[in-house]
Amino acid sequence: MTKSFMTKSEQLLRIDDHDFTMRPGFGGPAVPVGVDVQVESLDTISEVDMDFTMTLYLRHYWKDERLSFHSNNNLSMTFDGRLVKKIWVPDMFFVHSKRSFTHDTTTDNVMLRVYPDGKVLYSLRVTVTAMCSMDLSRFPLDTQTCSLEIESYAYTDDDLMLYWKKGNESLNTDEKISLSQFLIQEFHTTTKLAFYSSTGWYNRLYINFTLRRHIFFFLLQTYFPATLMVMLSWVSFWIDRRAVPARVPLGITTVLTMSTIITGVNASMPRVSYIKAVDIYLWVSFVFVFLSVIEYAAVNYLSTVQERKERKLRERLPCTCGMTHPDMLCSYSEVDVNNTGNYGMPEQNGVKRERMLVQLALESDQITGHVSSSPYNSMWIDTHAIDKYSRVIFPGAYTLFNVIYWSIYS
């Protein structure tokens, strides 16, 4: 029965009476082919491969008078993919596509509908993976525009005029389309001419869509951890400068954690030759963490230098104070020299002791008539000042950086 029906249909359409290897109206003006698209899903967007995958219904409309037939009720005839191989259909392909296929479950997802006046509707369900050139300089605060391009492979604009059937309304999308990392802002269509030096000009249809990346995922996975590591590195400014086992591991831990975050982000990104927005944030954060380690190295070095100078003073004071100035000895007795290096005391007491030691050294030089050229005689050094300034400078500078960063990229 099926074979008989197909035979009658072919006889009604006079398939054997015409050469369908030639386009309709061969030798005359270009045959107009209207196109409309129903986007079923936007499956994946890959930054690493610079491509996207889309499933769509692609429909073609044209008129082929060779397929006109007599009908008393003016009803169209609908066929599956078997008749497509016996008639002329537009030879569309997707420009810059990497992979594409027509769905074939449970049968080929192809439909052909012929009207009595020769108008034809040709529809098929296709999944295509096409290239999308992305600019990741603002990643992950970026907006990407991708295009799916449709073009005739063999027929130039002299033979086939490809156009959107209803303009921008020719593109329809499913309202349920959503992506985990992107917000679909816009779908629109355009038409251009493409030139090939060896074959000529071709009509090309564009399906353009704009995607804005969701930032919340990257805030949780990248920005917040990096910010917390920078803030954690500031804790060392409030730890006793002699607590080496506490401050050094804290600095090393924050540096290694920042390195891990940077490596994890770059592992999921293409190896581009320019700097991304996330790179700027992570590397500036890394510099802040690294500087906090350098800050403690400076504090520890100055503390060591200061302790050496105090040790020399303790060696000189007993001999100097015992010579001719008993009041000096009295002043010296008010200060426990053996405890001058005790940094566990309150800071103001530590400052007081350092001042008194320098005063004793100056008075001893006046007694002996010796004028020292050492800068230690003319000023006193408080190594606590570096930590004091760091407690303000580091948070202030990092806050300023965040204000500038988010004002530029948001």
Protein backbone atom coordinates (compact mmCIF):
# COMPACT_ATOMS: atom_id res chain seq x y z
CA MET A 1 0.00 0.00 0.00
CA THR A 2 2.81 2.38 0.88
CA LYS A 3 4.60 1.64 -2.37
CA SER A 4 1.41 2.21 -4.32
CA PHE A 5 0.77 5.50 -2.50
CA MET A 6 4.27 6.77 -3.22
CA THR A 7 3.91 5.79 -6.84
CA LYS A 8 0.65 7.69 -7.18
CA SER A 9 2.19 10.72 -5.45
CA GLU A 10 5.15 10.71 -7.79
CA GLN A 11 2.80 10.40 -10.73
CA LEU A 12 0.69 13.29 -9.41
CA LEU A 13 3.78 15.46 -9.00
CA ARG A 14 5.18 14.26 -12.35
CA ILE A 15 8.56 13.51 -10.81
CA ASP A 16 9.79 11.59 -13.85
CA ASP A 17 8.79 14.33 -16.29
CA HIS A 18 11.35 16.86 -15.04
CA ASP A 19 15.05 17.10 -14.38
CA PHE A 20 15.27 18.02 -10.71
CA THR A 21 19.04 18.25 -10.79
CA MET A 22 18.52 21.82 -12.08
CA ARG A 23 17.17 24.61 -9.91
CA PRO A 24 13.64 25.97 -10.56
CA GLY A 25 13.55 28.52 -13.40
CA PHE A 26 17.03 27.67 -14.59
CA GLY A 27 18.35 30.36 -16.93
CA GLY A 28 16.00 32.97 -15.48
CA PRO A 29 16.18 35.17 -12.39
CA ALA A 30 17.41 33.83 -9.08
CA VAL A 31 14.95 31.62 -7.24
CA PRO A 32 13.93 33.23 -3.93
CA VAL A 33 14.26 30.93 -0.92
CA GLY A 34 12.78 32.17 2.34
CA VAL A 35 14.07 30.82 5.63
CA ASP A 36 12.77 30.80 9.17
CA VAL A 37 14.23 29.16 12.25
CA GLN A 38 12.79 27.82 15.47
CA VAL A 39 15.56 27.53 18.09
CA GLU A 40 14.77 24.53 20.27
CA SER A 41 17.73 24.67 22.63
CA LEU A 42 21.09 26.28 23.16
CA ASP A 43 22.98 23.39 24.64
CA THR A 44 26.53 24.40 25.53
CA ILE A 45 28.88 27.36 25.35
CA SER A 46 32.56 26.44 25.57
CA GLU A 47 35.22 29.08 26.27
CA VAL A 48 38.00 26.51 25.90
CA ASP A 49 36.93 25.36 22.40
CA MET A 50 35.45 28.74 21.44
CA ASP A 51 32.21 27.23 20.15
CA PHE A 52 28.52 26.69 20.93
CA THR A 53 26.00 23.94 20.24
CA MET A 54 22.46 24.68 19.12
CA THR A 55 19.47 22.54 18.16
CA LEU A 56 16.99 24.15 15.77
CA TYR A 57 14.21 23.60 13.26
CA LEU A 58 15.36 24.94 9.89
CA ARG A 59 12.58 25.65 7.40
CA HIS A 60 12.91 26.61 3.72
CA TYR A 61 10.20 28.13 1.51
CA TRP A 62 10.36 28.36 -2.27
CA LYS A 63 8.23 27.79 -5.36
CA ASP A 64 8.89 25.08 -7.90
CA GLU A 65 6.25 25.02 -10.64
CA ARG A 66 7.42 21.59 -11.68
CA LEU A 67 5.79 20.25 -8.50
CA SER A 68 2.41 21.91 -9.03
CA PHE A 69 -0.55 19.54 -9.21
CA HIS A 70 -4.30 19.62 -9.63
CA SER A 71 -6.33 19.52 -6.43
CA ASN A 72 -10.07 19.91 -6.08
CA ASN A 73 -9.90 20.87 -2.39
CA ASN A 74 -6.63 22.87 -2.61
CA LEU A 75 -5.00 20.78 0.11
CA SER A 76 -1.27 20.32 0.40
CA MET A 77 0.54 17.01 0.44
CA THR A 78 3.07 16.17 3.16
CA PHE A 79 5.94 13.74 2.70
CA ASP A 80 8.82 12.45 4.76
CA GLY A 81 12.49 12.41 3.83
CA ARG A 82 12.18 9.77 1.12
CA LEU A 83 10.83 12.18 -1.49
CA VAL A 84 13.48 14.81 -0.68
CA LYS A 85 16.12 12.78 -2.50
CA LYS A 86 14.08 12.87 -5.74
CA ILE A 87 13.45 16.61 -6.06
CA TRP A 88 15.49 19.82 -5.95
CA VAL A 89 16.05 21.33 -2.49
CA PRO A 90 18.31 24.24 -1.45
CA ASP A 91 21.84 23.12 -0.58
CA MET A 92 22.21 24.96 2.72
CA PHE A 93 25.20 24.57 5.03
CA PHE A 94 26.40 26.18 8.24
CA VAL A 95 29.42 28.40 7.83
CA HIS A 96 32.19 27.87 10.44
CA SER A 97 30.46 24.76 11.75
CA LYS A 98 32.58 22.08 13.40
CA ARG A 99 29.95 19.34 13.64
CA SER A 100 26.33 19.05 12.58
CA PHE A 101 23.78 16.33 12.01
CA THR A 102 20.12 15.82 11.23
CA HIS A 103 18.23 13.92 13.91
CA ASP A 104 17.08 10.46 12.89
CA THR A 105 15.14 9.14 15.91
CA THR A 106 12.81 7.40 15.39
CA THR A 107 13.03 8.28 11.68
CA ASP A 108 14.75 11.09 9.82
CA ASN A 109 13.39 14.36 11.23
CA VAL A 110 12.64 15.76 7.78
CA MET A 111 9.36 17.04 6.39
CA LEU A 112 8.38 18.10 2.88
CA ARG A 113 5.07 19.81 2.19
CA VAL A 114 3.96 20.60 -1.37
CA TYR A 115 1.06 22.91 -2.27
CA PRO A 116 -0.99 22.70 -5.46
CA ASP A 117 0.53 25.89 -6.90
CA GLY A 118 4.07 24.47 -6.54
CA LYS A 119 5.04 26.17 -3.28
CA VAL A 120 7.24 23.98 -1.11
CA LEU A 121 7.99 23.88 2.62
CA TYR A 122 11.07 21.91 3.56
CA SER A 123 11.77 21.48 7.28
CA LEU A 124 14.42 19.55 9.18
CA ARG A 125 15.64 19.29 12.76
CA VAL A 126 19.37 19.91 13.09
CA THR A 127 21.97 20.11 15.85
CA VAL A 128 25.05 22.13 14.94
CA THR A 129 28.27 23.02 16.77
CA ALA A 130 29.72 26.22 15.34
CA MET A 131 32.64 28.49 16.08
CA CYS A 132 32.19 31.58 18.23
CA SER A 133 35.10 33.99 18.48
CA MET A 134 35.02 35.22 22.07
CA ASP A 135 36.79 38.19 23.57
CA LEU A 136 37.68 37.14 27.12
CA SER A 137 39.47 40.32 28.14
CA ARG A 138 36.59 41.12 30.54
CA PHE A 139 36.05 37.54 31.73
CA PRO A 140 34.04 36.71 33.86
CA LEU A 141 32.31 40.09 33.63
CA ASP A 142 31.93 39.78 29.87
CA THR A 143 29.19 39.80 27.27
CA GLN A 144 29.58 37.58 24.21
CA THR A 145 27.89 37.76 20.80
CA CYS A 146 27.82 34.60 18.70
CA SER A 147 26.41 33.94 15.25
CA LEU A 148 25.16 30.94 13.36
CA GLU A 149 25.63 31.55 9.63
CA ILE A 150 23.58 29.86 6.89
CA GLU A 151 24.55 29.93 3.25
CA SER A 152 24.04 28.08 -0.03
CA TYR A 153 27.06 25.98 -0.91
CA ALA A 154 26.76 25.86 -4.72
CA TYR A 155 24.40 28.63 -5.85
CA THR A 156 25.55 32.24 -5.97
CA ASP A 157 23.20 35.18 -5.62
CA ASP A 158 22.65 35.02 -9.39
CA ASP A 159 20.94 31.64 -8.99
CA LEU A 160 19.52 31.66 -5.46
CA MET A 161 18.32 34.61 -3.40
CA LEU A 162 18.37 33.62 0.25
CA TYR A 163 16.38 35.81 2.66
CA TRP A 164 14.60 35.75 6.00
CA LYS A 165 10.96 35.04 5.24
CA LYS A 166 9.51 37.48 7.82
CA GLY A 167 12.51 39.59 8.71
CA ASN A 168 13.46 39.50 12.38
CA GLU A 169 10.22 37.65 13.14
CA SER A 170 11.58 34.69 11.19
CA LEU A 171 13.58 33.71 14.28
CA ASN A 172 11.60 32.15 17.12
CA THR A 173 12.98 30.80 20.36
CA ASP A 174 11.68 28.57 23.08
CA GLU A 175 10.91 30.54 26.24
CA LYS A 176 12.40 27.73 28.34
CA ILE A 177 15.88 28.13 26.87
CA SER A 178 18.37 28.81 29.67
CA LEU A 179 22.05 28.31 30.35
CA SER A 180 23.81 27.72 33.64
CA GLN A 181 26.51 30.36 33.13
CA PHE A 182 24.83 32.80 30.74
CA LEU A 183 21.79 35.00 30.49
CA ILE A 184 20.44 35.14 26.93
CA GLN A 185 19.82 38.81 26.30
CA GLU A 186 18.83 38.94 22.65
CA PHE A 187 18.21 36.96 19.45
CA HIS A 188 18.12 38.77 16.12
CA THR A 189 18.72 38.15 12.42
CA THR A 190 20.81 39.86 9.76
CA THR A 191 21.58 39.29 6.08
CA LYS A 192 24.85 39.96 4.29
CA LEU A 193 26.71 39.07 1.13
CA ALA A 194 29.78 36.87 1.32
CA PHE A 195 32.43 36.96 -1.40
CA TYR A 196 34.74 34.13 -2.45
CA SER A 197 37.44 35.01 -4.93
CA SER A 198 37.05 31.80 -6.93
CA THR A 199 33.25 31.43 -7.03
CA GLY A 200 31.59 34.81 -6.45
CA TRP A 201 28.98 36.36 -4.16
CA TYR A 202 26.62 34.40 -1.93
CA ASN A 203 23.70 35.39 0.28
CA ARG A 204 24.42 34.64 3.93
CA LEU A 205 21.91 34.61 6.78
CA TYR A 206 22.97 35.27 10.37
CA ILE A 207 21.35 34.15 13.61
CA ASN A 208 22.90 36.46 16.21
CA PHE A 209 22.47 36.04 19.94
CA THR A 210 23.98 37.97 22.84
CA LEU A 211 24.97 36.25 26.09
CA ARG A 212 25.82 37.89 29.40
CA ARG A 213 27.72 35.75 31.88
CA HIS A 214 26.32 35.13 35.35
CA ILE A 215 28.84 36.50 37.86
CA PHE A 216 27.53 34.88 41.04
CA PHE A 217 29.29 31.55 40.41
CA PHE A 218 32.64 33.26 40.00
CA LEU A 219 32.05 35.44 43.04
CA LEU A 220 31.67 32.32 45.16
CA GLN A 221 34.43 30.29 43.53
CA THR A 222 37.08 32.91 42.78
CA TYR A 223 36.57 36.46 44.05
CA PHE A 224 35.41 35.74 47.61
CA PRO A 225 38.17 33.17 48.34
CA ALA A 226 40.83 35.51 46.93
CA THR A 227 39.53 38.41 49.01
CA LEU A 228 39.42 36.29 52.15
CA MET A 229 43.02 35.16 51.60
CA VAL A 230 44.15 38.78 51.33
CA MET A 231 42.28 39.69 54.50
CA LEU A 232 43.72 36.67 56.27
CA SER A 233 47.24 37.84 55.41
CA TRP A 234 46.52 41.08 57.31
CA VAL A 235 46.07 39.13 60.56
CA SER A 236 49.85 38.86 60.83
CA PHE A 237 50.05 42.63 61.42
CA TRP A 238 48.43 42.12 64.83
CA ILE A 239 50.61 39.17 65.86
CA ASP A 240 53.71 39.70 68.02
CA ARG A 241 56.69 40.30 65.76
CA ARG A 242 58.73 37.73 67.70
CA ALA A 243 56.09 35.00 67.05
CA VAL A 244 57.90 33.62 64.05
CA PRO A 245 56.13 30.20 64.13
CA ALA A 246 52.80 32.04 63.90
CA ARG A 247 53.49 34.71 61.27
CA VAL A 248 55.65 32.80 58.79
CA PRO A 249 53.28 29.81 58.25
CA LEU A 250 50.36 32.21 57.97
CA GLY A 251 52.08 34.13 55.18
CA ILE A 252 53.19 30.99 53.34
CA THR A 253 49.71 29.45 53.60
CA THR A 254 48.01 32.48 52.06
CA VAL A 255 50.56 32.66 49.24
CA LEU A 256 50.14 28.98 48.37
CA THR A 257 46.34 29.25 48.53
CA MET A 258 46.37 32.19 46.11
CA SER A 259 48.60 30.20 43.77
CA THR A 260 46.11 27.32 43.86
CA ILE A 261 43.19 29.63 43.05
CA ILE A 262 45.05 31.16 40.10
CA THR A 263 46.01 27.73 38.76
CA GLY A 264 42.45 26.43 39.09
CA VAL A 265 40.98 29.36 37.16
CA ASN A 266 43.52 29.16 34.33
CA ALA A 267 43.07 25.39 34.01
CA SER A 268 39.48 25.87 32.80
CA MET A 269 40.29 28.70 30.39
CA PRO A 270 41.82 28.81 26.91
CA ARG A 271 45.44 29.89 26.70
CA VAL A 272 44.88 33.38 25.36
CA SER A 273 47.72 35.84 24.89
CA TYR A 274 46.03 38.77 26.64
CA ILE A 275 45.17 39.53 30.26
CA LYS A 276 41.66 38.76 31.48
CA ALA A 277 39.78 40.73 34.12
CA VAL A 278 39.94 37.83 36.56
CA ASP A 279 43.73 37.67 36.06
CA ILE A 280 44.09 41.28 37.13
CA TYR A 281 42.10 40.70 40.30
CA LEU A 282 43.86 37.47 41.26
CA TRP A 283 47.38 38.71 40.57
CA VAL A 284 46.84 41.98 42.43
CA SER A 285 45.49 39.93 45.35
CA PHE A 286 48.55 37.70 45.10
CA VAL A 287 50.82 40.74 45.25
CA PHE A 288 49.07 41.97 48.42
CA VAL A 289 49.52 38.57 50.05
CA PHE A 290 53.16 38.43 48.99
CA LEU A 291 53.82 41.95 50.30
CA SER A 292 52.44 40.97 53.70
CA VAL A 293 55.15 38.30 53.88
CA ILE A 294 57.80 40.82 52.81
CA GLU A 295 56.48 43.22 55.46
CA TYR A 296 57.18 40.71 58.22
CA ALA A 297 60.64 40.08 56.80
CA ALA A 298 61.36 43.81 57.13
CA VAL A 299 59.95 43.91 60.67
CA ASN A 300 61.97 40.89 61.71
CA TYR A 301 65.18 42.31 60.22
CA LEU A 302 64.79 45.70 61.93
CA SER A 303 63.97 43.99 65.20
CA THR A 304 67.17 41.94 64.96
CA VAL A 305 69.25 45.05 64.26
CA GLN A 306 67.65 46.84 67.20
CA GLU A 307 68.33 43.96 69.56
CA ARG A 308 72.00 43.92 68.60
CA LYS A 309 72.35 47.62 69.34
CA GLU A 310 70.63 47.20 72.71
CA ARG A 311 72.96 44.34 73.55
CA LYS A 312 75.95 46.58 72.92
CA LEU A 313 74.41 49.25 75.17
CA ARG A 314 73.99 46.78 77.99
CA GLU A 315 77.66 45.92 77.70
CA ARG A 316 78.70 49.59 77.98
CA LEU A 317 76.30 50.89 80.64
CA PRO A 318 77.77 49.25 83.83
CA CYS A 319 81.26 50.72 83.21
CA THR A 320 80.01 54.16 82.23
CA CYS A 321 77.54 54.58 85.05
CA GLY A 322 80.01 53.57 87.75
CA MET A 323 82.62 56.27 87.10
CA THR A 324 81.70 59.79 88.27
CA HIS A 325 77.98 60.35 88.01
CA PRO A 326 76.00 58.60 90.75
CA ASP A 327 72.80 60.25 89.57
CA MET A 328 73.32 58.48 86.30
CA LEU A 329 73.61 55.23 88.16
CA CYS A 330 70.38 56.04 89.92
CA SER A 331 68.68 56.70 86.60
CA TYR A 332 70.04 53.44 85.33
CA SER A 333 68.69 51.56 88.33
CA GLU A 334 65.18 52.64 87.50
CA VAL A 335 65.38 50.68 84.31
CA ASP A 336 65.74 46.96 84.28
CA VAL A 337 68.30 46.66 81.54
CA ASN A 338 67.98 42.92 81.41
CA ASN A 339 64.38 43.32 80.32
CA THR A 340 64.88 45.89 77.57
CA GLY A 341 64.59 43.24 74.93
CA ASN A 342 61.29 41.94 76.29
CA TYR A 343 58.82 42.61 73.49
CA GLY A 344 56.05 40.89 75.32
CA MET A 345 55.53 44.05 77.46
CA PRO A 346 53.01 46.72 76.44
CA GLU A 347 54.13 48.82 73.53
CA GLN A 348 54.35 52.14 75.37
CA ASN A 349 56.61 50.60 78.01
CA GLY A 350 58.81 49.19 75.27
CA VAL A 351 59.03 52.64 73.68
CA LYS A 352 59.89 54.20 77.05
CA ARG A 353 62.72 51.72 77.62
CA GLU A 354 64.18 52.34 74.17
CA ARG A 355 64.18 56.09 74.77
CA MET A 356 65.86 55.77 78.14
CA LEU A 357 68.57 53.54 76.73
CA VAL A 358 69.36 56.01 73.97
CA GLN A 359 69.40 58.85 76.52
CA LEU A 360 71.90 56.93 78.67
CA ALA A 361 74.09 56.28 75.66
CA LEU A 362 74.08 59.96 74.73
CA GLU A 363 74.95 61.09 78.27
CA SER A 364 77.77 58.51 78.45
CA ASP A 365 79.21 59.92 75.24
CA GLN A 366 79.08 63.41 76.72
CA ILE A 367 81.02 62.19 79.80
CA THR A 368 83.78 60.58 77.75
CA GLY A 369 83.85 63.45 75.27
CA HIS A 370 83.30 61.08 72.36
CA VAL A 371 80.98 62.16 69.57
CA SER A 372 79.43 59.25 67.78
CA SER A 373 78.42 59.39 64.16
CA SER A 374 75.91 56.58 64.52
CA PRO A 375 72.32 57.56 63.55
CA TYR A 376 71.21 55.54 66.56
CA ASN A 377 72.31 58.43 68.80
CA SER A 378 70.18 61.02 67.05
CA MET A 379 66.92 59.07 66.73
CA TRP A 380 65.18 56.02 68.08
CA ILE A 381 63.67 53.37 65.84
CA ASP A 382 60.31 51.82 66.70
CA THR A 383 59.91 48.70 64.58
CA HIS A 384 56.28 48.53 65.69
CA ALA A 385 55.59 51.44 63.30
CA ILE A 386 55.80 49.18 60.23
CA ASP A 387 53.01 46.98 61.55
CA LYS A 388 51.03 50.07 62.59
CA TYR A 389 51.21 51.60 59.14
CA SER A 390 50.52 48.25 57.44
CA ARG A 391 47.29 47.85 59.38
CA VAL A 392 46.01 50.96 57.62
CA ILE A 393 47.84 51.04 54.30
CA PHE A 394 47.15 47.45 53.20
CA PRO A 395 43.34 47.47 53.77
CA GLY A 396 43.06 51.00 52.39
CA ALA A 397 44.99 50.21 49.23
CA TYR A 398 43.08 46.97 48.63
CA THR A 399 39.75 48.71 49.15
CA LEU A 400 40.76 51.41 46.66
CA PHE A 401 41.75 48.73 44.16
CA ASN A 402 38.35 47.02 44.52
CA VAL A 403 36.50 50.29 43.99
CA ILE A 404 38.44 51.00 40.80
CA TYR A 405 38.19 47.40 39.56
CA TRP A 406 34.44 47.01 39.98
CA SER A 407 33.70 50.49 38.64
CA ILE A 408 35.58 49.63 35.42
CA TYR A 409 34.33 46.08 34.83
CA SER A 410 30.83 46.07 36.27
